[in-house]
Amino acid sequence: MSKIEKNVEELINPIVTKLGYKLYDVIYEKEAKEYYLRIFIDSENGISLEDCEKVNNAITKLLDEKDYIKDQYFLEVSSPGIERVLRKDWQLEDNIGQEVEIKLFKPFNGKKIVIGQLNGFNEELININDQEIPRKDISLIKIKYEW
């Protein structure tokens, strides 16, 4: 997590919580020539467009006042989606037993994508299908949903 992401998360988490949502993640990234600040919110009832708009309106002025991001950026508020990315330990913990897809920087047992049940994790390893994959080799972990 970058310093910007950490600062933004600490700043907006109380606001998002007060509005009745859970702050799932904050991602600041560059795509092509543009910068994006992506705020992911969640709730037991799901997330609607109105929910995203409510959070957007509540945090925009505060983000502008704190001015953590010097570059021009686009603010996006959305649900993490059904095939949500698992970047934090609490997200992994909440999804033990779920089917996940892991994308790797380099092949593991001849594969760069591993799909299976998330059985556990620690600081260094992710256990999927009773195989331990080094976390440093993982580029992405997300929930795998069968459409």
N, C-alpha and C. Protein backbone atom coordinates (compact mmCIF):
# COMPACT_ATOMS: atom_id res chain seq x y z
N MET A 1 0.85 -1.17 0.00
CA MET A 1 0.00 0.00 0.00
C MET A 1 0.89 1.23 0.00
N SER A 2 0.62 2.14 -0.93
CA SER A 2 1.42 3.36 -1.02
C SER A 2 1.07 4.33 0.10
N LYS A 3 1.91 5.33 0.28
CA LYS A 3 1.66 6.35 1.32
C LYS A 3 0.37 7.10 1.02
N ILE A 4 0.13 7.40 -0.24
CA ILE A 4 -1.11 8.10 -0.62
C ILE A 4 -2.31 7.24 -0.25
N GLU A 5 -2.27 5.97 -0.61
CA GLU A 5 -3.39 5.08 -0.30
C GLU A 5 -3.63 5.00 1.21
N LYS A 6 -2.55 4.89 1.96
CA LYS A 6 -2.66 4.81 3.43
C LYS A 6 -3.27 6.08 4.00
N ASN A 7 -2.77 7.24 3.57
CA ASN A 7 -3.29 8.52 4.04
C ASN A 7 -4.76 8.71 3.70
N VAL A 8 -5.12 8.38 2.48
CA VAL A 8 -6.51 8.52 2.05
C VAL A 8 -7.40 7.57 2.85
N GLU A 9 -6.95 6.33 3.03
CA GLU A 9 -7.73 5.36 3.79
C GLU A 9 -7.99 5.86 5.22
N GLU A 10 -6.96 6.34 5.88
CA GLU A 10 -7.11 6.85 7.24
C GLU A 10 -8.03 8.07 7.29
N LEU A 11 -7.97 8.90 6.27
CA LEU A 11 -8.79 10.11 6.21
C LEU A 11 -10.27 9.80 6.01
N ILE A 12 -10.57 8.91 5.06
CA ILE A 12 -11.98 8.71 4.69
C ILE A 12 -12.68 7.57 5.43
N ASN A 13 -11.93 6.68 6.05
CA ASN A 13 -12.55 5.53 6.72
C ASN A 13 -13.63 5.95 7.72
N PRO A 14 -13.38 6.94 8.59
CA PRO A 14 -14.43 7.34 9.53
C PRO A 14 -15.69 7.86 8.83
N ILE A 15 -15.52 8.56 7.73
CA ILE A 15 -16.66 9.10 6.99
C ILE A 15 -17.47 7.97 6.35
N VAL A 16 -16.76 7.06 5.69
CA VAL A 16 -17.42 5.92 5.04
C VAL A 16 -18.18 5.09 6.08
N THR A 17 -17.55 4.85 7.22
CA THR A 17 -18.18 4.07 8.29
C THR A 17 -19.40 4.79 8.84
N LYS A 18 -19.30 6.09 9.05
CA LYS A 18 -20.42 6.88 9.57
C LYS A 18 -21.62 6.84 8.62
N LEU A 19 -21.34 6.73 7.33
CA LEU A 19 -22.42 6.65 6.33
C LEU A 19 -23.05 5.25 6.27
N GLY A 20 -22.45 4.29 7.00
CA GLY A 20 -23.02 2.95 7.07
C GLY A 20 -22.39 1.94 6.12
N TYR A 21 -21.22 2.25 5.60
CA TYR A 21 -20.54 1.36 4.67
C TYR A 21 -19.22 0.89 5.27
N LYS A 22 -18.64 -0.11 4.63
CA LYS A 22 -17.32 -0.59 5.01
C LYS A 22 -16.35 -0.16 3.91
N LEU A 23 -15.23 0.44 4.31
CA LEU A 23 -14.19 0.79 3.34
C LEU A 23 -13.43 -0.48 3.02
N TYR A 24 -13.60 -0.97 1.80
CA TYR A 24 -12.98 -2.24 1.40
C TYR A 24 -11.53 -2.03 0.95
N ASP A 25 -11.29 -0.98 0.17
CA ASP A 25 -9.93 -0.75 -0.31
C ASP A 25 -9.80 0.64 -0.92
N VAL A 26 -8.56 1.11 -1.01
CA VAL A 26 -8.20 2.36 -1.67
C VAL A 26 -7.03 2.04 -2.58
N ILE A 27 -7.18 2.38 -3.85
CA ILE A 27 -6.10 2.14 -4.81
C ILE A 27 -5.83 3.42 -5.60
N TYR A 28 -4.58 3.83 -5.60
CA TYR A 28 -4.15 4.97 -6.41
C TYR A 28 -3.20 4.44 -7.46
N GLU A 29 -3.57 4.64 -8.74
CA GLU A 29 -2.75 4.07 -9.81
C GLU A 29 -2.81 4.92 -11.06
N LYS A 30 -1.81 4.71 -11.89
CA LYS A 30 -1.73 5.39 -13.18
C LYS A 30 -2.09 4.40 -14.27
N GLU A 31 -2.96 4.83 -15.16
CA GLU A 31 -3.30 4.04 -16.34
C GLU A 31 -3.08 4.93 -17.55
N ALA A 32 -2.21 4.49 -18.43
CA ALA A 32 -1.79 5.31 -19.57
C ALA A 32 -1.26 6.63 -19.02
N LYS A 33 -1.89 7.75 -19.39
CA LYS A 33 -1.41 9.05 -18.92
C LYS A 33 -2.22 9.59 -17.74
N GLU A 34 -3.24 8.86 -17.33
CA GLU A 34 -4.16 9.35 -16.30
C GLU A 34 -3.94 8.67 -14.95
N TYR A 35 -4.19 9.43 -13.86
CA TYR A 35 -4.14 8.90 -12.50
C TYR A 35 -5.56 8.68 -12.00
N TYR A 36 -5.74 7.62 -11.23
CA TYR A 36 -7.05 7.28 -10.68
C TYR A 36 -6.92 7.00 -9.18
N LEU A 37 -7.85 7.55 -8.41
CA LEU A 37 -8.00 7.20 -7.01
C LEU A 37 -9.29 6.42 -6.92
N ARG A 38 -9.15 5.12 -6.65
CA ARG A 38 -10.32 4.24 -6.63
C ARG A 38 -10.64 3.86 -5.19
N ILE A 39 -11.86 4.17 -4.81
CA ILE A 39 -12.36 3.88 -3.47
C ILE A 39 -13.39 2.77 -3.60
N PHE A 40 -13.18 1.67 -2.89
CA PHE A 40 -14.11 0.54 -2.94
C PHE A 40 -14.83 0.45 -1.60
N ILE A 41 -16.16 0.46 -1.67
CA ILE A 41 -16.98 0.38 -0.47
C ILE A 41 -17.85 -0.87 -0.54
N ASP A 42 -18.29 -1.33 0.63
CA ASP A 42 -19.10 -2.55 0.67
C ASP A 42 -20.13 -2.40 1.78
N SER A 43 -21.16 -3.24 1.71
CA SER A 43 -22.15 -3.34 2.79
C SER A 43 -22.84 -4.69 2.66
N GLU A 44 -23.50 -5.10 3.73
CA GLU A 44 -24.21 -6.38 3.71
C GLU A 44 -25.33 -6.39 2.69
N ASN A 45 -25.85 -5.22 2.36
CA ASN A 45 -26.96 -5.11 1.41
C ASN A 45 -26.50 -4.86 -0.03
N GLY A 46 -25.19 -4.91 -0.25
CA GLY A 46 -24.67 -4.60 -1.57
C GLY A 46 -24.49 -3.10 -1.73
N ILE A 47 -24.00 -2.70 -2.89
CA ILE A 47 -23.71 -1.29 -3.15
C ILE A 47 -24.44 -0.85 -4.42
N SER A 48 -25.16 0.26 -4.32
CA SER A 48 -25.88 0.82 -5.46
C SER A 48 -25.15 2.05 -5.98
N LEU A 49 -25.58 2.54 -7.10
CA LEU A 49 -25.02 3.77 -7.67
C LEU A 49 -25.23 4.93 -6.70
N GLU A 50 -26.38 4.96 -6.04
CA GLU A 50 -26.68 6.01 -5.07
C GLU A 50 -25.71 5.96 -3.88
N ASP A 51 -25.35 4.74 -3.45
CA ASP A 51 -24.38 4.60 -2.36
C ASP A 51 -23.03 5.20 -2.77
N CYS A 52 -22.60 4.90 -3.98
CA CYS A 52 -21.32 5.43 -4.48
C CYS A 52 -21.36 6.94 -4.56
N GLU A 53 -22.48 7.47 -5.03
CA GLU A 53 -22.63 8.92 -5.14
C GLU A 53 -22.59 9.58 -3.75
N LYS A 54 -23.24 8.96 -2.77
CA LYS A 54 -23.27 9.49 -1.41
C LYS A 54 -21.85 9.56 -0.83
N VAL A 55 -21.07 8.51 -1.00
CA VAL A 55 -19.70 8.50 -0.49
C VAL A 55 -18.84 9.50 -1.26
N ASN A 56 -18.99 9.52 -2.57
CA ASN A 56 -18.24 10.47 -3.40
C ASN A 56 -18.46 11.90 -2.91
N ASN A 57 -19.73 12.26 -2.72
CA ASN A 57 -20.05 13.62 -2.29
C ASN A 57 -19.51 13.92 -0.89
N ALA A 58 -19.44 12.92 -0.04
CA ALA A 58 -18.99 13.12 1.34
C ALA A 58 -17.47 13.27 1.45
N ILE A 59 -16.72 12.71 0.51
CA ILE A 59 -15.26 12.71 0.64
C ILE A 59 -14.54 13.68 -0.29
N THR A 60 -15.19 14.14 -1.35
CA THR A 60 -14.52 14.96 -2.36
C THR A 60 -13.90 16.22 -1.78
N LYS A 61 -14.67 16.99 -1.04
CA LYS A 61 -14.16 18.25 -0.50
C LYS A 61 -12.99 18.01 0.46
N LEU A 62 -13.11 16.99 1.30
CA LEU A 62 -12.05 16.67 2.26
C LEU A 62 -10.76 16.27 1.55
N LEU A 63 -10.89 15.45 0.50
CA LEU A 63 -9.71 15.06 -0.28
C LEU A 63 -9.04 16.29 -0.91
N ASP A 64 -9.86 17.22 -1.41
CA ASP A 64 -9.32 18.44 -2.00
C ASP A 64 -8.61 19.29 -0.95
N GLU A 65 -9.20 19.38 0.25
CA GLU A 65 -8.59 20.18 1.32
C GLU A 65 -7.26 19.59 1.78
N LYS A 66 -7.18 18.28 1.95
CA LYS A 66 -5.95 17.64 2.43
C LYS A 66 -4.87 17.64 1.36
N ASP A 67 -5.28 17.57 0.10
CA ASP A 67 -4.37 17.68 -1.04
C ASP A 67 -3.21 16.69 -0.97
N TYR A 68 -3.51 15.43 -0.63
CA TYR A 68 -2.48 14.38 -0.60
C TYR A 68 -1.92 14.08 -1.99
N ILE A 69 -2.73 14.31 -3.00
CA ILE A 69 -2.35 13.95 -4.37
C ILE A 69 -2.11 15.23 -5.16
N LYS A 70 -0.88 15.42 -5.58
CA LYS A 70 -0.51 16.66 -6.27
C LYS A 70 -0.89 16.61 -7.76
N ASP A 71 -0.93 15.42 -8.32
CA ASP A 71 -1.30 15.27 -9.74
C ASP A 71 -2.81 15.38 -9.90
N GLN A 72 -3.23 15.73 -11.10
CA GLN A 72 -4.66 15.69 -11.41
C GLN A 72 -5.06 14.22 -11.48
N TYR A 73 -6.22 13.88 -10.91
CA TYR A 73 -6.66 12.48 -10.90
C TYR A 73 -8.17 12.40 -11.01
N PHE A 74 -8.63 11.21 -11.36
CA PHE A 74 -10.06 10.92 -11.40
C PHE A 74 -10.42 10.13 -10.15
N LEU A 75 -11.48 10.53 -9.48
CA LEU A 75 -11.97 9.83 -8.30
C LEU A 75 -13.08 8.88 -8.73
N GLU A 76 -12.93 7.62 -8.37
CA GLU A 76 -13.96 6.62 -8.66
C GLU A 76 -14.35 5.94 -7.35
N VAL A 77 -15.65 5.87 -7.08
CA VAL A 77 -16.16 5.15 -5.91
C VAL A 77 -17.04 4.03 -6.44
N SER A 78 -16.76 2.80 -5.99
CA SER A 78 -17.53 1.66 -6.49
C SER A 78 -17.52 0.51 -5.49
N SER A 79 -18.25 -0.52 -5.83
CA SER A 79 -18.24 -1.78 -5.10
C SER A 79 -16.99 -2.54 -5.50
N PRO A 80 -16.47 -3.40 -4.61
CA PRO A 80 -15.33 -4.23 -5.01
C PRO A 80 -15.73 -5.31 -6.01
N GLY A 81 -17.01 -5.53 -6.20
CA GLY A 81 -17.49 -6.49 -7.18
C GLY A 81 -17.51 -7.91 -6.66
N ILE A 82 -18.10 -8.79 -7.44
CA ILE A 82 -18.25 -10.18 -7.03
C ILE A 82 -16.91 -10.93 -7.10
N GLU A 83 -16.06 -10.56 -8.07
CA GLU A 83 -14.73 -11.16 -8.17
C GLU A 83 -13.71 -10.18 -7.59
N ARG A 84 -13.93 -9.86 -6.32
CA ARG A 84 -13.13 -8.84 -5.65
C ARG A 84 -11.68 -9.26 -5.44
N VAL A 85 -10.82 -8.28 -5.54
CA VAL A 85 -9.39 -8.48 -5.32
C VAL A 85 -9.14 -8.57 -3.82
N LEU A 86 -8.25 -9.47 -3.44
CA LEU A 86 -7.88 -9.67 -2.03
C LEU A 86 -6.45 -9.17 -1.84
N ARG A 87 -6.30 -7.96 -1.31
CA ARG A 87 -4.96 -7.37 -1.14
C ARG A 87 -4.50 -7.34 0.31
N LYS A 88 -5.44 -7.41 1.23
CA LYS A 88 -5.12 -7.24 2.64
C LYS A 88 -5.38 -8.53 3.41
N ASP A 89 -4.66 -8.69 4.51
CA ASP A 89 -4.81 -9.92 5.30
C ASP A 89 -6.24 -10.13 5.78
N TRP A 90 -6.94 -9.08 6.19
CA TRP A 90 -8.31 -9.27 6.68
C TRP A 90 -9.23 -9.74 5.54
N GLN A 91 -8.93 -9.32 4.31
CA GLN A 91 -9.72 -9.78 3.16
C GLN A 91 -9.47 -11.26 2.90
N LEU A 92 -8.20 -11.68 3.02
CA LEU A 92 -7.88 -13.10 2.88
C LEU A 92 -8.56 -13.91 3.98
N GLU A 93 -8.48 -13.44 5.20
CA GLU A 93 -9.08 -14.13 6.34
C GLU A 93 -10.58 -14.33 6.14
N ASP A 94 -11.25 -13.28 5.65
CA ASP A 94 -12.70 -13.34 5.42
C ASP A 94 -13.08 -14.32 4.31
N ASN A 95 -12.12 -14.72 3.50
CA ASN A 95 -12.42 -15.55 2.34
C ASN A 95 -11.77 -16.93 2.36
N ILE A 96 -11.28 -17.35 3.52
CA ILE A 96 -10.75 -18.71 3.63
C ILE A 96 -11.88 -19.68 3.33
N GLY A 97 -11.57 -20.67 2.50
CA GLY A 97 -12.58 -21.64 2.08
C GLY A 97 -13.21 -21.30 0.73
N GLN A 98 -13.00 -20.08 0.25
CA GLN A 98 -13.56 -19.65 -1.04
C GLN A 98 -12.63 -20.06 -2.19
N GLU A 99 -13.21 -20.17 -3.36
CA GLU A 99 -12.41 -20.42 -4.55
C GLU A 99 -11.80 -19.10 -5.01
N VAL A 100 -10.49 -19.12 -5.25
CA VAL A 100 -9.78 -17.91 -5.67
C VAL A 100 -8.96 -18.20 -6.93
N GLU A 101 -8.61 -17.12 -7.60
CA GLU A 101 -7.69 -17.18 -8.74
C GLU A 101 -6.46 -16.38 -8.38
N ILE A 102 -5.31 -17.00 -8.52
CA ILE A 102 -4.05 -16.35 -8.21
C ILE A 102 -3.25 -16.21 -9.51
N LYS A 103 -2.85 -14.97 -9.81
CA LYS A 103 -1.99 -14.71 -10.95
C LYS A 103 -0.58 -14.49 -10.42
N LEU A 104 0.39 -15.08 -11.11
CA LEU A 104 1.77 -15.08 -10.64
C LEU A 104 2.70 -14.32 -11.57
N PHE A 105 3.76 -13.78 -10.99
CA PHE A 105 4.79 -13.11 -11.78
C PHE A 105 5.60 -14.13 -12.60
N LYS A 106 5.76 -15.32 -12.04
CA LYS A 106 6.52 -16.37 -12.72
C LYS A 106 5.81 -17.70 -12.46
N PRO A 107 5.99 -18.69 -13.32
CA PRO A 107 5.28 -19.96 -13.16
C PRO A 107 5.55 -20.66 -11.84
N PHE A 108 4.51 -21.28 -11.31
CA PHE A 108 4.58 -22.13 -10.12
C PHE A 108 4.04 -23.49 -10.55
N ASN A 109 4.87 -24.51 -10.46
CA ASN A 109 4.50 -25.84 -10.96
C ASN A 109 4.02 -25.76 -12.42
N GLY A 110 4.70 -24.90 -13.21
CA GLY A 110 4.42 -24.79 -14.63
C GLY A 110 3.24 -23.90 -14.99
N LYS A 111 2.61 -23.23 -14.00
CA LYS A 111 1.43 -22.40 -14.29
C LYS A 111 1.64 -20.98 -13.77
N LYS A 112 1.10 -20.00 -14.54
CA LYS A 112 1.13 -18.61 -14.08
C LYS A 112 -0.21 -18.19 -13.48
N ILE A 113 -1.23 -19.06 -13.60
CA ILE A 113 -2.52 -18.83 -12.97
C ILE A 113 -2.90 -20.10 -12.22
N VAL A 114 -3.23 -19.95 -10.95
CA VAL A 114 -3.64 -21.09 -10.12
C VAL A 114 -5.02 -20.78 -9.59
N ILE A 115 -5.94 -21.74 -9.76
CA ILE A 115 -7.31 -21.59 -9.27
C ILE A 115 -7.57 -22.71 -8.28
N GLY A 116 -8.16 -22.34 -7.16
CA GLY A 116 -8.49 -23.36 -6.16
C GLY A 116 -8.97 -22.74 -4.87
N GLN A 117 -9.12 -23.58 -3.86
CA GLN A 117 -9.63 -23.14 -2.57
C GLN A 117 -8.54 -22.49 -1.74
N LEU A 118 -8.85 -21.32 -1.21
CA LEU A 118 -7.94 -20.63 -0.30
C LEU A 118 -8.03 -21.32 1.06
N ASN A 119 -6.95 -21.97 1.46
CA ASN A 119 -6.95 -22.74 2.71
C ASN A 119 -6.34 -21.98 3.88
N GLY A 120 -5.49 -21.00 3.61
CA GLY A 120 -4.85 -20.24 4.67
C GLY A 120 -3.72 -19.39 4.12
N PHE A 121 -3.05 -18.69 5.02
CA PHE A 121 -1.95 -17.80 4.61
C PHE A 121 -1.15 -17.41 5.84
N ASN A 122 0.04 -16.92 5.58
CA ASN A 122 0.84 -16.26 6.61
C ASN A 122 1.59 -15.12 5.92
N GLU A 123 2.54 -14.52 6.59
CA GLU A 123 3.26 -13.39 6.02
C GLU A 123 3.95 -13.71 4.71
N GLU A 124 4.40 -14.94 4.56
CA GLU A 124 5.22 -15.30 3.40
C GLU A 124 4.52 -16.17 2.37
N LEU A 125 3.48 -16.92 2.77
CA LEU A 125 2.89 -17.92 1.88
C LEU A 125 1.36 -17.83 1.83
N ILE A 126 0.81 -18.21 0.67
CA ILE A 126 -0.63 -18.39 0.50
C ILE A 126 -0.84 -19.88 0.23
N ASN A 127 -1.75 -20.49 0.98
CA ASN A 127 -2.03 -21.91 0.78
C ASN A 127 -3.31 -22.05 -0.04
N ILE A 128 -3.17 -22.65 -1.21
CA ILE A 128 -4.29 -22.90 -2.10
C ILE A 128 -4.17 -24.34 -2.59
N ASN A 129 -5.25 -25.08 -2.47
CA ASN A 129 -5.24 -26.50 -2.86
C ASN A 129 -4.11 -27.26 -2.18
N ASP A 130 -3.84 -26.90 -0.93
CA ASP A 130 -2.77 -27.52 -0.14
C ASP A 130 -1.39 -27.35 -0.76
N GLN A 131 -1.23 -26.31 -1.58
CA GLN A 131 0.07 -25.93 -2.12
C GLN A 131 0.42 -24.57 -1.53
N GLU A 132 1.66 -24.39 -1.15
CA GLU A 132 2.07 -23.11 -0.59
C GLU A 132 2.81 -22.30 -1.66
N ILE A 133 2.23 -21.14 -1.97
CA ILE A 133 2.78 -20.26 -2.99
C ILE A 133 3.38 -19.04 -2.29
N PRO A 134 4.63 -18.69 -2.58
CA PRO A 134 5.24 -17.51 -1.97
C PRO A 134 4.48 -16.23 -2.35
N ARG A 135 4.16 -15.43 -1.36
CA ARG A 135 3.41 -14.19 -1.60
C ARG A 135 4.17 -13.24 -2.53
N LYS A 136 5.51 -13.27 -2.45
CA LYS A 136 6.31 -12.37 -3.29
C LYS A 136 6.16 -12.69 -4.77
N ASP A 137 5.71 -13.89 -5.10
CA ASP A 137 5.53 -14.31 -6.50
C ASP A 137 4.13 -14.02 -7.03
N ILE A 138 3.24 -13.50 -6.18
CA ILE A 138 1.84 -13.29 -6.54
C ILE A 138 1.62 -11.86 -6.99
N SER A 139 1.03 -11.71 -8.17
CA SER A 139 0.70 -10.37 -8.66
C SER A 139 -0.73 -9.99 -8.32
N LEU A 140 -1.63 -11.00 -8.19
CA LEU A 140 -3.04 -10.71 -7.95
C LEU A 140 -3.74 -11.93 -7.35
N ILE A 141 -4.59 -11.70 -6.36
CA ILE A 141 -5.48 -12.74 -5.84
C ILE A 141 -6.88 -12.17 -5.89
N LYS A 142 -7.81 -12.92 -6.47
CA LYS A 142 -9.21 -12.45 -6.48
C LYS A 142 -10.13 -13.65 -6.31
N ILE A 143 -11.35 -13.33 -5.88
CA ILE A 143 -12.38 -14.35 -5.75
C ILE A 143 -12.71 -14.85 -7.16
N LYS A 144 -12.85 -16.14 -7.29
CA LYS A 144 -13.22 -16.74 -8.58
C LYS A 144 -14.70 -17.07 -8.52
N TYR A 145 -15.45 -16.50 -9.41
CA TYR A 145 -16.90 -16.72 -9.47
C TYR A 145 -17.23 -17.47 -10.75
N GLU A 146 -17.99 -18.54 -10.62
CA GLU A 146 -18.41 -19.30 -11.80
C GLU A 146 -19.65 -18.65 -12.39
N TRP A 147 -19.48 -18.06 -13.55
CA TRP A 147 -20.59 -17.39 -14.24
C TRP A 147 -21.43 -18.40 -14.87
